[in-house]
Amino acid sequence: MHNDRLNAHSTKLDVLEKNYAGSAKDIGYLKETITELKKSIDKLIEALDRLKIRPLEKYEQIAMCVITFIIAYVLGKVL
């Protein structure tokens, strides 16, 4: 009777060990995937930051043209 119980426990332990090994592999894969996703997200954030700056550069150029035109107009009236 005790031998049957010990054999049953041994079988259950074997199943648990296999499940643990599979879980460890899955966790390793998930860690790698999360690391790659973090890198991708960081690159996307950098790209978005660059896109945010570019329109400002265009608006700055337009503003400089408008200011230059106003200064040229005022100087043309004065001189």
PDB file of N, CA and C in Angstrom:
ATOM      1  N   MET A   1       0.822  -1.190   0.000  1.00  0.00           N
ATOM      2  CA  MET A   1       0.000   0.000   0.000  1.00  0.00           C
ATOM      3  C   MET A   1       0.871   1.262   0.000  1.00  0.00           C
ATOM      4  N   HIS A   2       1.884   1.270   0.853  1.00  0.00           N
ATOM      5  CA  HIS A   2       2.773   2.442   0.913  1.00  0.00           C
ATOM      6  C   HIS A   2       3.583   2.585  -0.371  1.00  0.00           C
ATOM      7  N   ASN A   3       3.980   1.473  -0.931  1.00  0.00           N
ATOM      8  CA  ASN A   3       4.731   1.521  -2.195  1.00  0.00           C
ATOM      9  C   ASN A   3       3.877   2.111  -3.308  1.00  0.00           C
ATOM     10  N   ASP A   4       2.594   1.768  -3.341  1.00  0.00           N
ATOM     11  CA  ASP A   4       1.696   2.333  -4.360  1.00  0.00           C
ATOM     12  C   ASP A   4       1.578   3.847  -4.196  1.00  0.00           C
ATOM     13  N   ARG A   5       1.470   4.271  -2.951  1.00  0.00           N
ATOM     14  CA  ARG A   5       1.372   5.729  -2.698  1.00  0.00           C
ATOM     15  C   ARG A   5       2.668   6.434  -3.092  1.00  0.00           C
ATOM     16  N   LEU A   6       3.804   5.824  -2.754  1.00  0.00           N
ATOM     17  CA  LEU A   6       5.096   6.421  -3.120  1.00  0.00           C
ATOM     18  C   LEU A   6       5.258   6.479  -4.634  1.00  0.00           C
ATOM     19  N   ASN A   7       4.841   5.434  -5.327  1.00  0.00           N
ATOM     20  CA  ASN A   7       4.919   5.441  -6.790  1.00  0.00           C
ATOM     21  C   ASN A   7       4.008   6.508  -7.385  1.00  0.00           C
ATOM     22  N   ALA A   8       2.826   6.666  -6.802  1.00  0.00           N
ATOM     23  CA  ALA A   8       1.902   7.696  -7.285  1.00  0.00           C
ATOM     24  C   ALA A   8       2.496   9.083  -7.066  1.00  0.00           C
ATOM     25  N   HIS A   9       3.109   9.291  -5.903  1.00  0.00           N
ATOM     26  CA  HIS A   9       3.743  10.587  -5.624  1.00  0.00           C
ATOM     27  C   HIS A   9       4.927  10.815  -6.561  1.00  0.00           C
ATOM     28  N   SER A  10       5.672   9.776  -6.834  1.00  0.00           N
ATOM     29  CA  SER A  10       6.808   9.890  -7.750  1.00  0.00           C
ATOM     30  C   SER A  10       6.329  10.289  -9.139  1.00  0.00           C
ATOM     31  N   THR A  11       5.244   9.687  -9.584  1.00  0.00           N
ATOM     32  CA  THR A  11       4.683  10.026 -10.896  1.00  0.00           C
ATOM     33  C   THR A  11       4.216  11.478 -10.922  1.00  0.00           C
ATOM     34  N   LYS A  12       3.564  11.889  -9.839  1.00  0.00           N
ATOM     35  CA  LYS A  12       3.096  13.286  -9.760  1.00  0.00           C
ATOM     36  C   LYS A  12       4.270  14.263  -9.761  1.00  0.00           C
ATOM     37  N   LEU A  13       5.347  13.918  -9.061  1.00  0.00           N
ATOM     38  CA  LEU A  13       6.537  14.773  -9.043  1.00  0.00           C
ATOM     39  C   LEU A  13       7.172  14.866 -10.426  1.00  0.00           C
ATOM     40  N   ASP A  14       7.192  13.780 -11.152  1.00  0.00           N
ATOM     41  CA  ASP A  14       7.731  13.795 -12.516  1.00  0.00           C
ATOM     42  C   ASP A  14       6.919  14.734 -13.406  1.00  0.00           C
ATOM     43  N   VAL A  15       5.608  14.667 -13.279  1.00  0.00           N
ATOM     44  CA  VAL A  15       4.738  15.551 -14.068  1.00  0.00           C
ATOM     45  C   VAL A  15       4.988  17.012 -13.692  1.00  0.00           C
ATOM     46  N   LEU A  16       5.113  17.283 -12.394  1.00  0.00           N
ATOM     47  CA  LEU A  16       5.382  18.650 -11.938  1.00  0.00           C
ATOM     48  C   LEU A  16       6.722  19.161 -12.457  1.00  0.00           C
ATOM     49  N   GLU A  17       7.743  18.317 -12.454  1.00  0.00           N
ATOM     50  CA  GLU A  17       9.057  18.716 -12.962  1.00  0.00           C
ATOM     51  C   GLU A  17       8.997  19.044 -14.438  1.00  0.00           C
ATOM     52  N   LYS A  18       8.274  18.246 -15.216  1.00  0.00           N
ATOM     53  CA  LYS A  18       8.128  18.528 -16.654  1.00  0.00           C
ATOM     54  C   LYS A  18       7.400  19.842 -16.874  1.00  0.00           C
ATOM     55  N   ASN A  19       6.345  20.056 -16.087  1.00  0.00           N
ATOM     56  CA  ASN A  19       5.599  21.316 -16.215  1.00  0.00           C
ATOM     57  C   ASN A  19       6.464  22.512 -15.831  1.00  0.00           C
ATOM     58  N   TYR A  20       7.275  22.349 -14.778  1.00  0.00           N
ATOM     59  CA  TYR A  20       8.153  23.432 -14.355  1.00  0.00           C
ATOM     60  C   TYR A  20       9.180  23.760 -15.435  1.00  0.00           C
ATOM     61  N   ALA A  21       9.748  22.731 -16.050  1.00  0.00           N
ATOM     62  CA  ALA A  21      10.736  22.953 -17.108  1.00  0.00           C
ATOM     63  C   ALA A  21      10.091  23.680 -18.289  1.00  0.00           C
ATOM     64  N   GLY A  22       8.882  23.287 -18.642  1.00  0.00           N
ATOM     65  CA  GLY A  22       8.182  23.962 -19.733  1.00  0.00           C
ATOM     66  C   GLY A  22       7.860  25.401 -19.385  1.00  0.00           C
ATOM     67  N   SER A  23       7.474  25.626 -18.131  1.00  0.00           N
ATOM     68  CA  SER A  23       7.164  26.990 -17.689  1.00  0.00           C
ATOM     69  C   SER A  23       8.417  27.862 -17.700  1.00  0.00           C
ATOM     70  N   ALA A  24       9.545  27.295 -17.306  1.00  0.00           N
ATOM     71  CA  ALA A  24      10.801  28.052 -17.295  1.00  0.00           C
ATOM     72  C   ALA A  24      11.180  28.478 -18.708  1.00  0.00           C
ATOM     73  N   LYS A  25      10.977  27.586 -19.682  1.00  0.00           N
ATOM     74  CA  LYS A  25      11.271  27.946 -21.079  1.00  0.00           C
ATOM     75  C   LYS A  25      10.338  29.047 -21.550  1.00  0.00           C
ATOM     76  N   ASP A  26       9.056  28.923 -21.196  1.00  0.00           N
ATOM     77  CA  ASP A  26       8.076  29.939 -21.595  1.00  0.00           C
ATOM     78  C   ASP A  26       8.402  31.295 -20.980  1.00  0.00           C
ATOM     79  N   ILE A  27       8.821  31.279 -19.717  1.00  0.00           N
ATOM     80  CA  ILE A  27       9.168  32.530 -19.043  1.00  0.00           C
ATOM     81  C   ILE A  27      10.385  33.161 -19.708  1.00  0.00           C
ATOM     82  N   GLY A  28      11.368  32.368 -20.071  1.00  0.00           N
ATOM     83  CA  GLY A  28      12.547  32.894 -20.768  1.00  0.00           C
ATOM     84  C   GLY A  28      12.167  33.518 -22.091  1.00  0.00           C
ATOM     85  N   TYR A  29      11.291  32.845 -22.837  1.00  0.00           N
ATOM     86  CA  TYR A  29      10.834  33.377 -24.121  1.00  0.00           C
ATOM     87  C   TYR A  29      10.067  34.682 -23.910  1.00  0.00           C
ATOM     88  N   LEU A  30       9.224  34.726 -22.882  1.00  0.00           N
ATOM     89  CA  LEU A  30       8.463  35.946 -22.600  1.00  0.00           C
ATOM     90  C   LEU A  30       9.381  37.098 -22.213  1.00  0.00           C
ATOM     91  N   LYS A  31      10.429  36.825 -21.453  1.00  0.00           N
ATOM     92  CA  LYS A  31      11.388  37.872 -21.087  1.00  0.00           C
ATOM     93  C   LYS A  31      12.057  38.442 -22.335  1.00  0.00           C
ATOM     94  N   GLU A  32      12.479  37.564 -23.243  1.00  0.00           N
ATOM     95  CA  GLU A  32      13.113  38.030 -24.478  1.00  0.00           C
ATOM     96  C   GLU A  32      12.138  38.860 -25.304  1.00  0.00           C
ATOM     97  N   THR A  33      10.901  38.401 -25.394  1.00  0.00           N
ATOM     98  CA  THR A  33       9.895  39.108 -26.172  1.00  0.00           C
ATOM     99  C   THR A  33       9.613  40.475 -25.573  1.00  0.00           C
ATOM    100  N   ILE A  34       9.509  40.551 -24.260  1.00  0.00           N
ATOM    101  CA  ILE A  34       9.256  41.837 -23.597  1.00  0.00           C
ATOM    102  C   ILE A  34      10.423  42.785 -23.813  1.00  0.00           C
ATOM    103  N   THR A  35      11.646  42.268 -23.766  1.00  0.00           N
ATOM    104  CA  THR A  35      12.819  43.112 -24.008  1.00  0.00           C
ATOM    105  C   THR A  35      12.801  43.676 -25.428  1.00  0.00           C
ATOM    106  N   GLU A  36      12.460  42.829 -26.403  1.00  0.00           N
ATOM    107  CA  GLU A  36      12.385  43.293 -27.791  1.00  0.00           C
ATOM    108  C   GLU A  36      11.259  44.311 -27.969  1.00  0.00           C
ATOM    109  N   LEU A  37      10.130  44.086 -27.321  1.00  0.00           N
ATOM    110  CA  LEU A  37       9.019  45.035 -27.403  1.00  0.00           C
ATOM    111  C   LEU A  37       9.398  46.373 -26.782  1.00  0.00           C
ATOM    112  N   LYS A  38      10.127  46.335 -25.679  1.00  0.00           N
ATOM    113  CA  LYS A  38      10.557  47.582 -25.048  1.00  0.00           C
ATOM    114  C   LYS A  38      11.468  48.376 -25.977  1.00  0.00           C
ATOM    115  N   LYS A  39      12.379  47.668 -26.647  1.00  0.00           N
ATOM    116  CA  LYS A  39      13.260  48.345 -27.601  1.00  0.00           C
ATOM    117  C   LYS A  39      12.452  48.958 -28.736  1.00  0.00           C
ATOM    118  N   SER A  40      11.470  48.232 -29.235  1.00  0.00           N
ATOM    119  CA  SER A  40      10.634  48.741 -30.321  1.00  0.00           C
ATOM    120  C   SER A  40       9.837  49.958 -29.874  1.00  0.00           C
ATOM    121  N   ILE A  41       9.302  49.905 -28.667  1.00  0.00           N
ATOM    122  CA  ILE A  41       8.532  51.036 -28.144  1.00  0.00           C
ATOM    123  C   ILE A  41       9.430  52.249 -27.975  1.00  0.00           C
ATOM    124  N   ASP A  42      10.644  52.044 -27.487  1.00  0.00           N
ATOM    125  CA  ASP A  42      11.580  53.162 -27.341  1.00  0.00           C
ATOM    126  C   ASP A  42      11.887  53.804 -28.693  1.00  0.00           C
ATOM    127  N   LYS A  43      12.067  52.970 -29.729  1.00  0.00           N
ATOM    128  CA  LYS A  43      12.320  53.506 -31.071  1.00  0.00           C
ATOM    129  C   LYS A  43      11.111  54.283 -31.582  1.00  0.00           C
ATOM    130  N   LEU A  44       9.913  53.787 -31.320  1.00  0.00           N
ATOM    131  CA  LEU A  44       8.703  54.493 -31.739  1.00  0.00           C
ATOM    132  C   LEU A  44       8.564  55.833 -31.032  1.00  0.00           C
ATOM    133  N   ILE A  45       8.896  55.859 -29.754  1.00  0.00           N
ATOM    134  CA  ILE A  45       8.838  57.113 -29.001  1.00  0.00           C
ATOM    135  C   ILE A  45       9.829  58.119 -29.582  1.00  0.00           C
ATOM    136  N   GLU A  46      11.029  57.666 -29.919  1.00  0.00           N
ATOM    137  CA  GLU A  46      12.021  58.553 -30.532  1.00  0.00           C
ATOM    138  C   GLU A  46      11.519  59.083 -31.872  1.00  0.00           C
ATOM    139  N   ALA A  47      10.903  58.212 -32.670  1.00  0.00           N
ATOM    140  CA  ALA A  47      10.382  58.632 -33.963  1.00  0.00           C
ATOM    141  C   ALA A  47       9.269  59.655 -33.788  1.00  0.00           C
ATOM    142  N   LEU A  48       8.402  59.443 -32.811  1.00  0.00           N
ATOM    143  CA  LEU A  48       7.329  60.401 -32.551  1.00  0.00           C
ATOM    144  C   LEU A  48       7.886  61.743 -32.090  1.00  0.00           C
ATOM    145  N   ASP A  49       8.921  61.693 -31.262  1.00  0.00           N
ATOM    146  CA  ASP A  49       9.548  62.942 -30.822  1.00  0.00           C
ATOM    147  C   ASP A  49      10.137  63.710 -32.008  1.00  0.00           C
ATOM    148  N   ARG A  50      10.757  62.981 -32.941  1.00  0.00           N
ATOM    149  CA  ARG A  50      11.309  63.646 -34.131  1.00  0.00           C
ATOM    150  C   ARG A  50      10.188  64.253 -34.967  1.00  0.00           C
ATOM    151  N   LEU A  51       9.067  63.553 -35.072  1.00  0.00           N
ATOM    152  CA  LEU A  51       7.931  64.086 -35.839  1.00  0.00           C
ATOM    153  C   LEU A  51       7.333  65.307 -35.168  1.00  0.00           C
ATOM    154  N   LYS A  52       7.363  65.333 -33.856  1.00  0.00           N
ATOM    155  CA  LYS A  52       6.853  66.504 -33.140  1.00  0.00           C
ATOM    156  C   LYS A  52       7.731  67.716 -33.402  1.00  0.00           C
ATOM    157  N   ILE A  53       9.031  67.518 -33.538  1.00  0.00           N
ATOM    158  CA  ILE A  53       9.971  68.629 -33.741  1.00  0.00           C
ATOM    159  C   ILE A  53       9.901  69.146 -35.173  1.00  0.00           C
ATOM    160  N   ARG A  54       9.746  68.272 -36.136  1.00  0.00           N
ATOM    161  CA  ARG A  54       9.756  68.688 -37.540  1.00  0.00           C
ATOM    162  C   ARG A  54       8.704  69.748 -37.866  1.00  0.00           C
ATOM    163  N   PRO A  55       7.454  69.565 -37.471  1.00  0.00           N
ATOM    164  CA  PRO A  55       6.484  70.614 -37.780  1.00  0.00           C
ATOM    165  C   PRO A  55       6.866  71.951 -37.159  1.00  0.00           C
ATOM    166  N   LEU A  56       7.480  71.920 -35.976  1.00  0.00           N
ATOM    167  CA  LEU A  56       7.915  73.172 -35.370  1.00  0.00           C
ATOM    168  C   LEU A  56       8.969  73.850 -36.234  1.00  0.00           C
ATOM    169  N   GLU A  57       9.851  73.073 -36.815  1.00  0.00           N
ATOM    170  CA  GLU A  57      10.868  73.653 -37.685  1.00  0.00           C
ATOM    171  C   GLU A  57      10.210  74.334 -38.879  1.00  0.00           C
ATOM    172  N   LYS A  58       9.180  73.731 -39.442  1.00  0.00           N
ATOM    173  CA  LYS A  58       8.487  74.335 -40.579  1.00  0.00           C
ATOM    174  C   LYS A  58       7.795  75.618 -40.152  1.00  0.00           C
ATOM    175  N   TYR A  59       7.136  75.578 -38.996  1.00  0.00           N
ATOM    176  CA  TYR A  59       6.458  76.784 -38.518  1.00  0.00           C
ATOM    177  C   TYR A  59       7.456  77.885 -38.182  1.00  0.00           C
ATOM    178  N   GLU A  60       8.616  77.508 -37.680  1.00  0.00           N
ATOM    179  CA  GLU A  60       9.648  78.503 -37.411  1.00  0.00           C
ATOM    180  C   GLU A  60      10.123  79.155 -38.709  1.00  0.00           C
ATOM    181  N   GLN A  61      10.270  78.369 -39.766  1.00  0.00           N
ATOM    182  CA  GLN A  61      10.676  78.928 -41.053  1.00  0.00           C
ATOM    183  C   GLN A  61       9.611  79.879 -41.581  1.00  0.00           C
ATOM    184  N   ILE A  62       8.363  79.503 -41.457  1.00  0.00           N
ATOM    185  CA  ILE A  62       7.272  80.375 -41.916  1.00  0.00           C
ATOM    186  C   ILE A  62       7.256  81.649 -41.094  1.00  0.00           C
ATOM    187  N   ALA A  63       7.423  81.519 -39.777  1.00  0.00           N
ATOM    188  CA  ALA A  63       7.439  82.695 -38.911  1.00  0.00           C
ATOM    189  C   ALA A  63       8.599  83.618 -39.277  1.00  0.00           C
ATOM    190  N   MET A  64       9.777  83.033 -39.568  1.00  0.00           N
ATOM    191  CA  MET A  64      10.924  83.870 -39.950  1.00  0.00           C
ATOM    192  C   MET A  64      10.655  84.590 -41.261  1.00  0.00           C
ATOM    193  N   CYS A  65       9.991  83.933 -42.217  1.00  0.00           N
ATOM    194  CA  CYS A  65       9.653  84.581 -43.481  1.00  0.00           C
ATOM    195  C   CYS A  65       8.684  85.737 -43.259  1.00  0.00           C
ATOM    196  N   VAL A  66       7.683  85.507 -42.414  1.00  0.00           N
ATOM    197  CA  VAL A  66       6.702  86.562 -42.127  1.00  0.00           C
ATOM    198  C   VAL A  66       7.379  87.728 -41.434  1.00  0.00           C
ATOM    199  N   ILE A  67       8.232  87.448 -40.445  1.00  0.00           N
ATOM    200  CA  ILE A  67       8.933  88.519 -39.727  1.00  0.00           C
ATOM    201  C   ILE A  67       9.850  89.277 -40.677  1.00  0.00           C
ATOM    202  N   THR A  68      10.555  88.547 -41.534  1.00  0.00           N
ATOM    203  CA  THR A  68      11.436  89.199 -42.511  1.00  0.00           C
ATOM    204  C   THR A  68      10.634  90.086 -43.450  1.00  0.00           C
ATOM    205  N   PHE A  69       9.483  89.608 -43.891  1.00  0.00           N
ATOM    206  CA  PHE A  69       8.635  90.405 -44.769  1.00  0.00           C
ATOM    207  C   PHE A  69       8.161  91.667 -44.060  1.00  0.00           C
ATOM    208  N   ILE A  70       7.755  91.544 -42.810  1.00  0.00           N
ATOM    209  CA  ILE A  70       7.274  92.720 -42.055  1.00  0.00           C
ATOM    210  C   ILE A  70       8.406  93.717 -41.871  1.00  0.00           C
ATOM    211  N   ILE A  71       9.592  93.249 -41.509  1.00  0.00           N
ATOM    212  CA  ILE A  71      10.733  94.154 -41.322  1.00  0.00           C
ATOM    213  C   ILE A  71      11.093  94.827 -42.646  1.00  0.00           C
ATOM    214  N   ALA A  72      11.103  94.049 -43.723  1.00  0.00           N
ATOM    215  CA  ALA A  72      11.410  94.641 -45.036  1.00  0.00           C
ATOM    216  C   ALA A  72      10.357  95.671 -45.417  1.00  0.00           C
ATOM    217  N   TYR A  73       9.094  95.432 -45.143  1.00  0.00           N
ATOM    218  CA  TYR A  73       8.021  96.375 -45.454  1.00  0.00           C
ATOM    219  C   TYR A  73       8.164  97.657 -44.640  1.00  0.00           C
ATOM    220  N   VAL A  74       8.460  97.504 -43.351  1.00  0.00           N
ATOM    221  CA  VAL A  74       8.627  98.681 -42.479  1.00  0.00           C
ATOM    222  C   VAL A  74       9.851  99.479 -42.941  1.00  0.00           C
ATOM    223  N   LEU A  75      10.952  98.792 -43.227  1.00  0.00           N
ATOM    224  CA  LEU A  75      12.157  99.513 -43.672  1.00  0.00           C
ATOM    225  C   LEU A  75      11.900 100.183 -45.031  1.00  0.00           C
ATOM    226  N   GLY A  76      11.121  99.542 -45.898  1.00  0.00           N
ATOM    227  CA  GLY A  76      10.789 100.136 -47.189  1.00  0.00           C
ATOM    228  C   GLY A  76       9.959 101.408 -47.025  1.00  0.00           C
ATOM    229  N   LYS A  77       9.081 101.450 -46.056  1.00  0.00           N
ATOM    230  CA  LYS A  77       8.256 102.647 -45.797  1.00  0.00           C
ATOM    231  C   LYS A  77       9.085 103.759 -45.188  1.00  0.00           C
ATOM    232  N   VAL A  78      10.008 103.400 -44.292  1.00  0.00           N
ATOM    233  CA  VAL A  78      10.817 104.398 -43.607  1.00  0.00           C
ATOM    234  C   VAL A  78      11.865 104.991 -44.548  1.00  0.00           C
ATOM    235  N   LEU A  79      12.482 104.146 -45.332  1.00  0.00           N
ATOM    236  CA  LEU A  79      13.549 104.648 -46.193  1.00  0.00           C
ATOM    237  C   LEU A  79      12.925 105.148 -47.436  1.00  0.00           C
TER     238      LEU A  79
END
